[in-house]
Amino acid sequence: MATRYTELTGCRVPVQQAPMGSVSTTALAVAVAQAGGVGSITVLGMSPGQVDKVLGGMAARTDGVLAANFLTGDIDPEAVAARRWRRGRTGCGPGPGSWPRPSRARTRCTSRR
C-alpha cells in the first residue's frame, strides 16, 4: 500500500509502532518491521555503546524499517552519532525517525540544548 508515509519511511504498510518505554521491546519492534511497518524503540537512558549494540542487534534481525526515539531534552550527541552511522536518519520532533534505505539516508536532528 503506497502512501506518503510509506514513501517517506520506506516501509510497506503505513503503520508505526509507538516506542512506549519498557513496553516496546526490541522483539516487538523487529516483528513490526518484519510485518512491513516501522518498528520503534526508545533509547532514553542508554549510553552510546548501548544504543549501538541494541540497534545493531535489531538491524541484524530484519531488513524492515526501524526507528529509534531520542527525547529532545535528553539527547546525547554521542548516542546520536552511534546511531547515525547505521544507515539512516535520526528524527527529532514530529514525524518518523526511521532507518530508510541507504540511498535515502540523511540526518535531520538538532539538539535544543
PDB file of N, CA and C in Angstrom:
ATOM      1  N   MET A   1       0.851  -1.170   0.000  1.00  0.00           N
ATOM      2  CA  MET A   1       0.000   0.000   0.000  1.00  0.00           C
ATOM      3  C   MET A   1       0.900   1.237   0.000  1.00  0.00           C
ATOM      4  N   ALA A   2       0.908   1.979  -1.067  1.00  0.00           N
ATOM      5  CA  ALA A   2       1.737   3.176  -1.167  1.00  0.00           C
ATOM      6  C   ALA A   2       0.990   4.400  -0.646  1.00  0.00           C
ATOM      7  N   THR A   3       1.609   5.082   0.300  1.00  0.00           N
ATOM      8  CA  THR A   3       1.088   6.336   0.846  1.00  0.00           C
ATOM      9  C   THR A   3       2.257   7.297   0.991  1.00  0.00           C
ATOM     10  N   ARG A   4       1.968   8.522   1.324  1.00  0.00           N
ATOM     11  CA  ARG A   4       3.049   9.488   1.575  1.00  0.00           C
ATOM     12  C   ARG A   4       3.950   8.968   2.699  1.00  0.00           C
ATOM     13  N   TYR A   5       3.344   8.380   3.723  1.00  0.00           N
ATOM     14  CA  TYR A   5       4.115   7.848   4.855  1.00  0.00           C
ATOM     15  C   TYR A   5       5.027   6.704   4.417  1.00  0.00           C
ATOM     16  N   THR A   6       4.512   5.768   3.643  1.00  0.00           N
ATOM     17  CA  THR A   6       5.352   4.645   3.217  1.00  0.00           C
ATOM     18  C   THR A   6       6.477   5.126   2.312  1.00  0.00           C
ATOM     19  N   GLU A   7       6.198   6.129   1.487  1.00  0.00           N
ATOM     20  CA  GLU A   7       7.241   6.682   0.630  1.00  0.00           C
ATOM     21  C   GLU A   7       8.315   7.394   1.457  1.00  0.00           C
ATOM     22  N   LEU A   8       7.898   8.104   2.492  1.00  0.00           N
ATOM     23  CA  LEU A   8       8.830   8.830   3.348  1.00  0.00           C
ATOM     24  C   LEU A   8       9.722   7.880   4.149  1.00  0.00           C
ATOM     25  N   THR A   9       9.139   6.844   4.695  1.00  0.00           N
ATOM     26  CA  THR A   9       9.884   5.963   5.596  1.00  0.00           C
ATOM     27  C   THR A   9      10.502   4.746   4.923  1.00  0.00           C
ATOM     28  N   GLY A  10       9.953   4.327   3.806  1.00  0.00           N
ATOM     29  CA  GLY A  10      10.460   3.121   3.150  1.00  0.00           C
ATOM     30  C   GLY A  10       9.793   1.847   3.625  1.00  0.00           C
ATOM     31  N   CYS A  11       8.768   1.968   4.468  1.00  0.00           N
ATOM     32  CA  CYS A  11       8.047   0.779   4.920  1.00  0.00           C
ATOM     33  C   CYS A  11       7.011   0.367   3.872  1.00  0.00           C
ATOM     34  N   ARG A  12       6.422  -0.821   4.064  1.00  0.00           N
ATOM     35  CA  ARG A  12       5.440  -1.319   3.092  1.00  0.00           C
ATOM     36  C   ARG A  12       4.002  -0.991   3.467  1.00  0.00           C
ATOM     37  N   VAL A  13       3.715  -0.847   4.751  1.00  0.00           N
ATOM     38  CA  VAL A  13       2.363  -0.503   5.212  1.00  0.00           C
ATOM     39  C   VAL A  13       2.452   0.715   6.128  1.00  0.00           C
ATOM     40  N   PRO A  14       1.446   1.600   6.115  1.00  0.00           N
ATOM     41  CA  PRO A  14       1.522   2.844   6.877  1.00  0.00           C
ATOM     42  C   PRO A  14       1.204   2.664   8.364  1.00  0.00           C
ATOM     43  N   VAL A  15       2.087   1.947   9.045  1.00  0.00           N
ATOM     44  CA  VAL A  15       1.915   1.685  10.474  1.00  0.00           C
ATOM     45  C   VAL A  15       3.249   1.934  11.169  1.00  0.00           C
ATOM     46  N   GLN A  16       3.217   2.716  12.258  1.00  0.00           N
ATOM     47  CA  GLN A  16       4.403   2.878  13.089  1.00  0.00           C
ATOM     48  C   GLN A  16       4.045   2.491  14.503  1.00  0.00           C
ATOM     49  N   GLN A  17       4.771   1.542  15.019  1.00  0.00           N
ATOM     50  CA  GLN A  17       4.588   1.095  16.395  1.00  0.00           C
ATOM     51  C   GLN A  17       5.188   2.148  17.316  1.00  0.00           C
ATOM     52  N   ALA A  18       4.466   2.525  18.346  1.00  0.00           N
ATOM     53  CA  ALA A  18       4.928   3.567  19.263  1.00  0.00           C
ATOM     54  C   ALA A  18       6.056   3.058  20.150  1.00  0.00           C
ATOM     55  N   PRO A  19       7.090   3.877  20.358  1.00  0.00           N
ATOM     56  CA  PRO A  19       8.191   3.490  21.243  1.00  0.00           C
ATOM     57  C   PRO A  19       7.834   3.802  22.696  1.00  0.00           C
ATOM     58  N   MET A  20       7.067   2.919  23.323  1.00  0.00           N
ATOM     59  CA  MET A  20       6.492   3.176  24.646  1.00  0.00           C
ATOM     60  C   MET A  20       7.364   2.651  25.775  1.00  0.00           C
ATOM     61  N   GLY A  21       8.529   3.246  25.957  1.00  0.00           N
ATOM     62  CA  GLY A  21       9.398   2.883  27.069  1.00  0.00           C
ATOM     63  C   GLY A  21       9.692   1.406  27.134  1.00  0.00           C
ATOM     64  N   SER A  22       9.599   0.839  28.313  1.00  0.00           N
ATOM     65  CA  SER A  22       9.938  -0.576  28.505  1.00  0.00           C
ATOM     66  C   SER A  22       8.898  -1.528  27.920  1.00  0.00           C
ATOM     67  N   VAL A  23       7.728  -1.035  27.553  1.00  0.00           N
ATOM     68  CA  VAL A  23       6.680  -1.878  26.970  1.00  0.00           C
ATOM     69  C   VAL A  23       7.039  -2.271  25.535  1.00  0.00           C
ATOM     70  N   SER A  24       7.700  -1.377  24.808  1.00  0.00           N
ATOM     71  CA  SER A  24       8.087  -1.642  23.421  1.00  0.00           C
ATOM     72  C   SER A  24       9.462  -2.290  23.395  1.00  0.00           C
ATOM     73  N   THR A  25       9.475  -3.582  23.299  1.00  0.00           N
ATOM     74  CA  THR A  25      10.732  -4.324  23.314  1.00  0.00           C
ATOM     75  C   THR A  25      11.369  -4.346  21.934  1.00  0.00           C
ATOM     76  N   THR A  26      12.629  -4.727  21.887  1.00  0.00           N
ATOM     77  CA  THR A  26      13.293  -4.872  20.597  1.00  0.00           C
ATOM     78  C   THR A  26      12.620  -5.961  19.778  1.00  0.00           C
ATOM     79  N   ALA A  27      12.160  -7.020  20.426  1.00  0.00           N
ATOM     80  CA  ALA A  27      11.473  -8.105  19.709  1.00  0.00           C
ATOM     81  C   ALA A  27      10.200  -7.593  19.039  1.00  0.00           C
ATOM     82  N   LEU A  28       9.440  -6.744  19.740  1.00  0.00           N
ATOM     83  CA  LEU A  28       8.218  -6.180  19.164  1.00  0.00           C
ATOM     84  C   LEU A  28       8.556  -5.276  17.981  1.00  0.00           C
ATOM     85  N   ALA A  29       9.558  -4.427  18.130  1.00  0.00           N
ATOM     86  CA  ALA A  29       9.944  -3.521  17.045  1.00  0.00           C
ATOM     87  C   ALA A  29      10.397  -4.303  15.812  1.00  0.00           C
ATOM     88  N   VAL A  30      11.164  -5.351  16.011  1.00  0.00           N
ATOM     89  CA  VAL A  30      11.614  -6.183  14.883  1.00  0.00           C
ATOM     90  C   VAL A  30      10.416  -6.876  14.234  1.00  0.00           C
ATOM     91  N   ALA A  31       9.479  -7.369  15.024  1.00  0.00           N
ATOM     92  CA  ALA A  31       8.288  -8.035  14.470  1.00  0.00           C
ATOM     93  C   ALA A  31       7.461  -7.068  13.629  1.00  0.00           C
ATOM     94  N   VAL A  32       7.288  -5.844  14.099  1.00  0.00           N
ATOM     95  CA  VAL A  32       6.539  -4.832  13.341  1.00  0.00           C
ATOM     96  C   VAL A  32       7.265  -4.528  12.027  1.00  0.00           C
ATOM     97  N   ALA A  33       8.579  -4.379  12.093  1.00  0.00           N
ATOM     98  CA  ALA A  33       9.366  -4.110  10.880  1.00  0.00           C
ATOM     99  C   ALA A  33       9.255  -5.273   9.896  1.00  0.00           C
ATOM    100  N   GLN A  34       9.297  -6.499  10.395  1.00  0.00           N
ATOM    101  CA  GLN A  34       9.172  -7.676   9.534  1.00  0.00           C
ATOM    102  C   GLN A  34       7.793  -7.741   8.878  1.00  0.00           C
ATOM    103  N   ALA A  35       6.778  -7.227   9.581  1.00  0.00           N
ATOM    104  CA  ALA A  35       5.407  -7.240   9.052  1.00  0.00           C
ATOM    105  C   ALA A  35       5.155  -6.102   8.062  1.00  0.00           C
ATOM    106  N   GLY A  36       6.139  -5.208   7.882  1.00  0.00           N
ATOM    107  CA  GLY A  36       6.001  -4.147   6.894  1.00  0.00           C
ATOM    108  C   GLY A  36       5.826  -2.755   7.446  1.00  0.00           C
ATOM    109  N   GLY A  37       5.660  -2.622   8.757  1.00  0.00           N
ATOM    110  CA  GLY A  37       5.517  -1.304   9.368  1.00  0.00           C
ATOM    111  C   GLY A  37       6.852  -0.759   9.831  1.00  0.00           C
ATOM    112  N   VAL A  38       6.805   0.288  10.646  1.00  0.00           N
ATOM    113  CA  VAL A  38       8.005   0.862  11.242  1.00  0.00           C
ATOM    114  C   VAL A  38       8.057   0.416  12.693  1.00  0.00           C
ATOM    115  N   GLY A  39       9.057  -0.364  13.036  1.00  0.00           N
ATOM    116  CA  GLY A  39       9.245  -0.822  14.413  1.00  0.00           C
ATOM    117  C   GLY A  39      10.072   0.186  15.183  1.00  0.00           C
ATOM    118  N   SER A  40       9.619   0.569  16.378  1.00  0.00           N
ATOM    119  CA  SER A  40      10.277   1.644  17.135  1.00  0.00           C
ATOM    120  C   SER A  40      10.623   1.241  18.550  1.00  0.00           C
ATOM    121  N   ILE A  41      11.740   1.767  19.025  1.00  0.00           N
ATOM    122  CA  ILE A  41      12.096   1.644  20.440  1.00  0.00           C
ATOM    123  C   ILE A  41      12.537   3.017  20.929  1.00  0.00           C
ATOM    124  N   THR A  42      12.524   3.183  22.229  1.00  0.00           N
ATOM    125  CA  THR A  42      13.103   4.386  22.815  1.00  0.00           C
ATOM    126  C   THR A  42      14.522   4.058  23.245  1.00  0.00           C
ATOM    127  N   VAL A  43      15.409   5.039  23.131  1.00  0.00           N
ATOM    128  CA  VAL A  43      16.782   4.842  23.591  1.00  0.00           C
ATOM    129  C   VAL A  43      17.065   5.731  24.799  1.00  0.00           C
ATOM    130  N   LEU A  44      16.000   6.185  25.446  1.00  0.00           N
ATOM    131  CA  LEU A  44      16.104   7.027  26.634  1.00  0.00           C
ATOM    132  C   LEU A  44      16.954   6.337  27.691  1.00  0.00           C
ATOM    133  N   GLY A  45      17.962   7.005  28.157  1.00  0.00           N
ATOM    134  CA  GLY A  45      18.803   6.487  29.224  1.00  0.00           C
ATOM    135  C   GLY A  45      19.900   5.535  28.771  1.00  0.00           C
ATOM    136  N   MET A  46      19.978   5.242  27.481  1.00  0.00           N
ATOM    137  CA  MET A  46      21.024   4.346  27.002  1.00  0.00           C
ATOM    138  C   MET A  46      22.307   5.121  26.731  1.00  0.00           C
ATOM    139  N   SER A  47      23.430   4.499  27.027  1.00  0.00           N
ATOM    140  CA  SER A  47      24.725   5.083  26.684  1.00  0.00           C
ATOM    141  C   SER A  47      24.961   4.912  25.184  1.00  0.00           C
ATOM    142  N   PRO A  48      25.907   5.655  24.613  1.00  0.00           N
ATOM    143  CA  PRO A  48      26.213   5.464  23.193  1.00  0.00           C
ATOM    144  C   PRO A  48      26.539   4.006  22.851  1.00  0.00           C
ATOM    145  N   GLY A  49      27.271   3.341  23.700  1.00  0.00           N
ATOM    146  CA  GLY A  49      27.598   1.932  23.461  1.00  0.00           C
ATOM    147  C   GLY A  49      26.367   1.042  23.470  1.00  0.00           C
ATOM    148  N   GLN A  50      25.457   1.301  24.400  1.00  0.00           N
ATOM    149  CA  GLN A  50      24.217   0.527  24.448  1.00  0.00           C
ATOM    150  C   GLN A  50      23.364   0.774  23.212  1.00  0.00           C
ATOM    151  N   VAL A  51      23.268   2.038  22.786  1.00  0.00           N
ATOM    152  CA  VAL A  51      22.498   2.373  21.587  1.00  0.00           C
ATOM    153  C   VAL A  51      23.045   1.585  20.400  1.00  0.00           C
ATOM    154  N   ASP A  52      24.345   1.627  20.229  1.00  0.00           N
ATOM    155  CA  ASP A  52      24.982   0.935  19.109  1.00  0.00           C
ATOM    156  C   ASP A  52      24.716  -0.570  19.169  1.00  0.00           C
ATOM    157  N   LYS A  53      24.860  -1.162  20.336  1.00  0.00           N
ATOM    158  CA  LYS A  53      24.663  -2.606  20.485  1.00  0.00           C
ATOM    159  C   LYS A  53      23.210  -3.005  20.233  1.00  0.00           C
ATOM    160  N   VAL A  54      22.276  -2.295  20.843  1.00  0.00           N
ATOM    161  CA  VAL A  54      20.850  -2.620  20.706  1.00  0.00           C
ATOM    162  C   VAL A  54      20.382  -2.451  19.261  1.00  0.00           C
ATOM    163  N   LEU A  55      20.700  -1.304  18.653  1.00  0.00           N
ATOM    164  CA  LEU A  55      20.243  -1.058  17.291  1.00  0.00           C
ATOM    165  C   LEU A  55      20.939  -1.969  16.281  1.00  0.00           C
ATOM    166  N   GLY A  56      22.192  -2.281  16.539  1.00  0.00           N
ATOM    167  CA  GLY A  56      22.900  -3.220  15.671  1.00  0.00           C
ATOM    168  C   GLY A  56      22.285  -4.612  15.727  1.00  0.00           C
ATOM    169  N   GLY A  57      21.906  -5.034  16.922  1.00  0.00           N
ATOM    170  CA  GLY A  57      21.249  -6.332  17.073  1.00  0.00           C
ATOM    171  C   GLY A  57      19.903  -6.380  16.387  1.00  0.00           C
ATOM    172  N   MET A  58      19.156  -5.285  16.472  1.00  0.00           N
ATOM    173  CA  MET A  58      17.852  -5.223  15.801  1.00  0.00           C
ATOM    174  C   MET A  58      18.020  -5.251  14.289  1.00  0.00           C
ATOM    175  N   ALA A  59      18.946  -4.451  13.777  1.00  0.00           N
ATOM    176  CA  ALA A  59      19.156  -4.364  12.329  1.00  0.00           C
ATOM    177  C   ALA A  59      19.610  -5.709  11.753  1.00  0.00           C
ATOM    178  N   ALA A  60      20.304  -6.496  12.553  1.00  0.00           N
ATOM    179  CA  ALA A  60      20.764  -7.808  12.092  1.00  0.00           C
ATOM    180  C   ALA A  60      19.604  -8.795  11.960  1.00  0.00           C
ATOM    181  N   ARG A  61      18.469  -8.506  12.609  1.00  0.00           N
ATOM    182  CA  ARG A  61      17.332  -9.432  12.616  1.00  0.00           C
ATOM    183  C   ARG A  61      16.238  -9.083  11.612  1.00  0.00           C
ATOM    184  N   THR A  62      16.363  -7.958  10.916  1.00  0.00           N
ATOM    185  CA  THR A  62      15.323  -7.590   9.955  1.00  0.00           C
ATOM    186  C   THR A  62      15.882  -6.684   8.862  1.00  0.00           C
ATOM    187  N   ASP A  63      15.274  -6.770   7.711  1.00  0.00           N
ATOM    188  CA  ASP A  63      15.547  -5.820   6.638  1.00  0.00           C
ATOM    189  C   ASP A  63      14.480  -4.738   6.624  1.00  0.00           C
ATOM    190  N   GLY A  64      13.529  -4.818   7.566  1.00  0.00           N
ATOM    191  CA  GLY A  64      12.452  -3.842   7.638  1.00  0.00           C
ATOM    192  C   GLY A  64      12.929  -2.517   8.197  1.00  0.00           C
ATOM    193  N   VAL A  65      11.992  -1.581   8.312  1.00  0.00           N
ATOM    194  CA  VAL A  65      12.297  -0.219   8.759  1.00  0.00           C
ATOM    195  C   VAL A  65      12.185  -0.143  10.280  1.00  0.00           C
ATOM    196  N   LEU A  66      13.231   0.397  10.886  1.00  0.00           N
ATOM    197  CA  LEU A  66      13.287   0.552  12.335  1.00  0.00           C
ATOM    198  C   LEU A  66      13.470   2.020  12.685  1.00  0.00           C
ATOM    199  N   ALA A  67      13.011   2.401  13.872  1.00  0.00           N
ATOM    200  CA  ALA A  67      13.164   3.781  14.332  1.00  0.00           C
ATOM    201  C   ALA A  67      13.648   3.785  15.771  1.00  0.00           C
ATOM    202  N   ALA A  68      14.469   4.780  16.092  1.00  0.00           N
ATOM    203  CA  ALA A  68      14.947   4.979  17.458  1.00  0.00           C
ATOM    204  C   ALA A  68      14.442   6.331  17.931  1.00  0.00           C
ATOM    205  N   ASN A  69      13.854   6.375  19.099  1.00  0.00           N
ATOM    206  CA  ASN A  69      13.262   7.588  19.637  1.00  0.00           C
ATOM    207  C   ASN A  69      14.210   8.229  20.654  1.00  0.00           C
ATOM    208  N   PHE A  70      14.760   9.369  20.278  1.00  0.00           N
ATOM    209  CA  PHE A  70      15.568  10.177  21.182  1.00  0.00           C
ATOM    210  C   PHE A  70      14.690  11.322  21.666  1.00  0.00           C
ATOM    211  N   LEU A  71      14.547  11.500  22.984  1.00  0.00           N
ATOM    212  CA  LEU A  71      13.796  12.642  23.505  1.00  0.00           C
ATOM    213  C   LEU A  71      14.687  13.874  23.425  1.00  0.00           C
ATOM    214  N   THR A  72      14.163  14.964  22.913  1.00  0.00           N
ATOM    215  CA  THR A  72      14.997  16.139  22.660  1.00  0.00           C
ATOM    216  C   THR A  72      15.628  16.714  23.919  1.00  0.00           C
ATOM    217  N   GLY A  73      14.996  16.593  25.051  1.00  0.00           N
ATOM    218  CA  GLY A  73      15.585  17.090  26.290  1.00  0.00           C
ATOM    219  C   GLY A  73      16.675  16.192  26.834  1.00  0.00           C
ATOM    220  N   ASP A  74      16.835  15.014  26.265  1.00  0.00           N
ATOM    221  CA  ASP A  74      17.781  14.022  26.779  1.00  0.00           C
ATOM    222  C   ASP A  74      18.739  13.542  25.688  1.00  0.00           C
ATOM    223  N   ILE A  75      18.959  14.340  24.667  1.00  0.00           N
ATOM    224  CA  ILE A  75      19.802  13.890  23.567  1.00  0.00           C
ATOM    225  C   ILE A  75      21.274  13.908  23.967  1.00  0.00           C
ATOM    226  N   ASP A  76      21.912  12.790  23.768  1.00  0.00           N
ATOM    227  CA  ASP A  76      23.341  12.643  23.963  1.00  0.00           C
ATOM    228  C   ASP A  76      23.957  12.626  22.563  1.00  0.00           C
ATOM    229  N   PRO A  77      24.694  13.659  22.180  1.00  0.00           N
ATOM    230  CA  PRO A  77      25.247  13.713  20.821  1.00  0.00           C
ATOM    231  C   PRO A  77      26.052  12.470  20.439  1.00  0.00           C
ATOM    232  N   GLU A  78      26.744  11.859  21.397  1.00  0.00           N
ATOM    233  CA  GLU A  78      27.499  10.642  21.098  1.00  0.00           C
ATOM    234  C   GLU A  78      26.563   9.479  20.775  1.00  0.00           C
ATOM    235  N   ALA A  79      25.428   9.399  21.459  1.00  0.00           N
ATOM    236  CA  ALA A  79      24.464   8.334  21.171  1.00  0.00           C
ATOM    237  C   ALA A  79      23.861   8.536  19.791  1.00  0.00           C
ATOM    238  N   VAL A  80      23.574   9.779  19.422  1.00  0.00           N
ATOM    239  CA  VAL A  80      23.039  10.057  18.089  1.00  0.00           C
ATOM    240  C   VAL A  80      24.076   9.677  17.036  1.00  0.00           C
ATOM    241  N   ALA A  81      25.341  10.014  17.286  1.00  0.00           N
ATOM    242  CA  ALA A  81      26.408   9.671  16.340  1.00  0.00           C
ATOM    243  C   ALA A  81      26.530   8.152  16.213  1.00  0.00           C
ATOM    244  N   ALA A  82      26.399   7.419  17.312  1.00  0.00           N
ATOM    245  CA  ALA A  82      26.470   5.956  17.267  1.00  0.00           C
ATOM    246  C   ALA A  82      25.319   5.401  16.453  1.00  0.00           C
ATOM    247  N   ARG A  83      24.195   6.026  16.490  1.00  0.00           N
ATOM    248  CA  ARG A  83      23.006   5.614  15.755  1.00  0.00           C
ATOM    249  C   ARG A  83      23.110   6.004  14.271  1.00  0.00           C
ATOM    250  N   ARG A  84      23.664   7.180  14.008  1.00  0.00           N
ATOM    251  CA  ARG A  84      23.660   7.750  12.674  1.00  0.00           C
ATOM    252  C   ARG A  84      24.397   6.890  11.660  1.00  0.00           C
ATOM    253  N   TRP A  85      25.510   6.295  12.028  1.00  0.00           N
ATOM    254  CA  TRP A  85      26.303   5.544  11.046  1.00  0.00           C
ATOM    255  C   TRP A  85      25.581   4.326  10.536  1.00  0.00           C
ATOM    256  N   ARG A  86      24.572   3.863  11.217  1.00  0.00           N
ATOM    257  CA  ARG A  86      23.903   2.610  10.868  1.00  0.00           C
ATOM    258  C   ARG A  86      23.365   2.575   9.459  1.00  0.00           C
ATOM    259  N   ARG A  87      22.776   3.555   8.942  1.00  0.00           N
ATOM    260  CA  ARG A  87      22.257   3.651   7.580  1.00  0.00           C
ATOM    261  C   ARG A  87      20.918   4.340   7.567  1.00  0.00           C
ATOM    262  N   GLY A  88      20.839   5.424   8.198  1.00  0.00           N
ATOM    263  CA  GLY A  88      19.539   6.058   8.182  1.00  0.00           C
ATOM    264  C   GLY A  88      19.570   7.490   8.609  1.00  0.00           C
ATOM    265  N   ARG A  89      18.488   7.878   9.191  1.00  0.00           N
ATOM    266  CA  ARG A  89      18.397   9.244   9.656  1.00  0.00           C
ATOM    267  C   ARG A  89      17.851   9.216  11.064  1.00  0.00           C
ATOM    268  N   THR A  90      18.109  10.269  11.766  1.00  0.00           N
ATOM    269  CA  THR A  90      17.606  10.416  13.117  1.00  0.00           C
ATOM    270  C   THR A  90      16.541  11.485  13.089  1.00  0.00           C
ATOM    271  N   GLY A  91      15.361  11.179  13.557  1.00  0.00           N
ATOM    272  CA  GLY A  91      14.290  12.159  13.560  1.00  0.00           C
ATOM    273  C   GLY A  91      14.093  12.743  14.932  1.00  0.00           C
ATOM    274  N   CYS A  92      13.897  14.014  14.994  1.00  0.00           N
ATOM    275  CA  CYS A  92      13.576  14.683  16.248  1.00  0.00           C
ATOM    276  C   CYS A  92      12.323  15.501  16.024  1.00  0.00           C
ATOM    277  N   GLY A  93      11.447  15.489  16.975  1.00  0.00           N
ATOM    278  CA  GLY A  93      10.223  16.261  16.829  1.00  0.00           C
ATOM    279  C   GLY A  93       9.197  15.477  16.049  1.00  0.00           C
ATOM    280  N   PRO A  94       8.275  16.164  15.391  1.00  0.00           N
ATOM    281  CA  PRO A  94       7.198  15.476  14.690  1.00  0.00           C
ATOM    282  C   PRO A  94       7.713  14.680  13.504  1.00  0.00           C
ATOM    283  N   GLY A  95       7.038  13.612  13.218  1.00  0.00           N
ATOM    284  CA  GLY A  95       7.394  12.799  12.056  1.00  0.00           C
ATOM    285  C   GLY A  95       8.242  11.610  12.454  1.00  0.00           C
ATOM    286  N   PRO A  96       8.356  10.675  11.552  1.00  0.00           N
ATOM    287  CA  PRO A  96       9.105   9.455  11.845  1.00  0.00           C
ATOM    288  C   PRO A  96      10.602   9.703  11.838  1.00  0.00           C
ATOM    289  N   GLY A  97      11.302   8.965  12.662  1.00  0.00           N
ATOM    290  CA  GLY A  97      12.761   8.988  12.646  1.00  0.00           C
ATOM    291  C   GLY A  97      13.220   7.592  12.320  1.00  0.00           C
ATOM    292  N   SER A  98      13.092   7.215  11.114  1.00  0.00           N
ATOM    293  CA  SER A  98      13.279   5.829  10.735  1.00  0.00           C
ATOM    294  C   SER A  98      14.611   5.581  10.055  1.00  0.00           C
ATOM    295  N   TRP A  99      14.857   4.350   9.705  1.00  0.00           N
ATOM    296  CA  TRP A  99      16.064   3.918   9.011  1.00  0.00           C
ATOM    297  C   TRP A  99      15.702   3.567   7.586  1.00  0.00           C
ATOM    298  N   PRO A 100      15.643   4.530   6.687  1.00  0.00           N
ATOM    299  CA  PRO A 100      15.319   4.198   5.299  1.00  0.00           C
ATOM    300  C   PRO A 100      16.496   3.528   4.608  1.00  0.00           C
ATOM    301  N   ARG A 101      16.308   3.185   3.357  1.00  0.00           N
ATOM    302  CA  ARG A 101      17.365   2.574   2.574  1.00  0.00           C
ATOM    303  C   ARG A 101      18.557   3.522   2.471  1.00  0.00           C
ATOM    304  N   PRO A 102      19.785   2.995   2.324  1.00  0.00           N
ATOM    305  CA  PRO A 102      20.981   3.848   2.304  1.00  0.00           C
ATOM    306  C   PRO A 102      20.919   4.987   1.300  1.00  0.00           C
ATOM    307  N   SER A 103      20.286   4.796   0.161  1.00  0.00           N
ATOM    308  CA  SER A 103      20.231   5.855  -0.846  1.00  0.00           C
ATOM    309  C   SER A 103      19.417   7.054  -0.369  1.00  0.00           C
ATOM    310  N   ARG A 104      18.593   6.856   0.651  1.00  0.00           N
ATOM    311  CA  ARG A 104      17.758   7.950   1.159  1.00  0.00           C
ATOM    312  C   ARG A 104      18.243   8.451   2.508  1.00  0.00           C
ATOM    313  N   ALA A 105      19.419   7.994   2.938  1.00  0.00           N
ATOM    314  CA  ALA A 105      19.900   8.318   4.280  1.00  0.00           C
ATOM    315  C   ALA A 105      20.256   9.791   4.430  1.00  0.00           C
ATOM    316  N   ARG A 106      19.840  10.346   5.557  1.00  0.00           N
ATOM    317  CA  ARG A 106      20.213  11.699   5.916  1.00  0.00           C
ATOM    318  C   ARG A 106      19.937  11.901   7.393  1.00  0.00           C
ATOM    319  N   THR A 107      20.501  12.921   7.959  1.00  0.00           N
ATOM    320  CA  THR A 107      20.266  13.227   9.373  1.00  0.00           C
ATOM    321  C   THR A 107      19.540  14.549   9.453  1.00  0.00           C
ATOM    322  N   ARG A 108      18.517  14.590  10.268  1.00  0.00           N
ATOM    323  CA  ARG A 108      17.769  15.832  10.409  1.00  0.00           C
ATOM    324  C   ARG A 108      17.465  16.105  11.875  1.00  0.00           C
ATOM    325  N   CYS A 109      18.446  15.955  12.719  1.00  0.00           N
ATOM    326  CA  CYS A 109      18.246  16.137  14.143  1.00  0.00           C
ATOM    327  C   CYS A 109      19.126  17.270  14.654  1.00  0.00           C
ATOM    328  N   THR A 110      18.561  18.108  15.476  1.00  0.00           N
ATOM    329  CA  THR A 110      19.345  19.147  16.131  1.00  0.00           C
ATOM    330  C   THR A 110      18.986  19.128  17.599  1.00  0.00           C
ATOM    331  N   SER A 111      19.968  19.299  18.427  1.00  0.00           N
ATOM    332  CA  SER A 111      19.741  19.350  19.869  1.00  0.00           C
ATOM    333  C   SER A 111      19.256  20.739  20.241  1.00  0.00           C
ATOM    334  N   ARG A 112      18.373  20.806  21.215  1.00  0.00           N
ATOM    335  CA  ARG A 112      17.846  22.105  21.633  1.00  0.00           C
ATOM    336  C   ARG A 112      18.495  22.576  22.925  1.00  0.00           C
ATOM    337  N   ARG A 113      19.660  22.052  23.231  1.00  0.00           N
ATOM    338  CA  ARG A 113      20.357  22.464  24.466  1.00  0.00           C
ATOM    339  C   ARG A 113      20.975  23.815  24.328  1.00  0.00           C
TER     340      ARG A 113
END
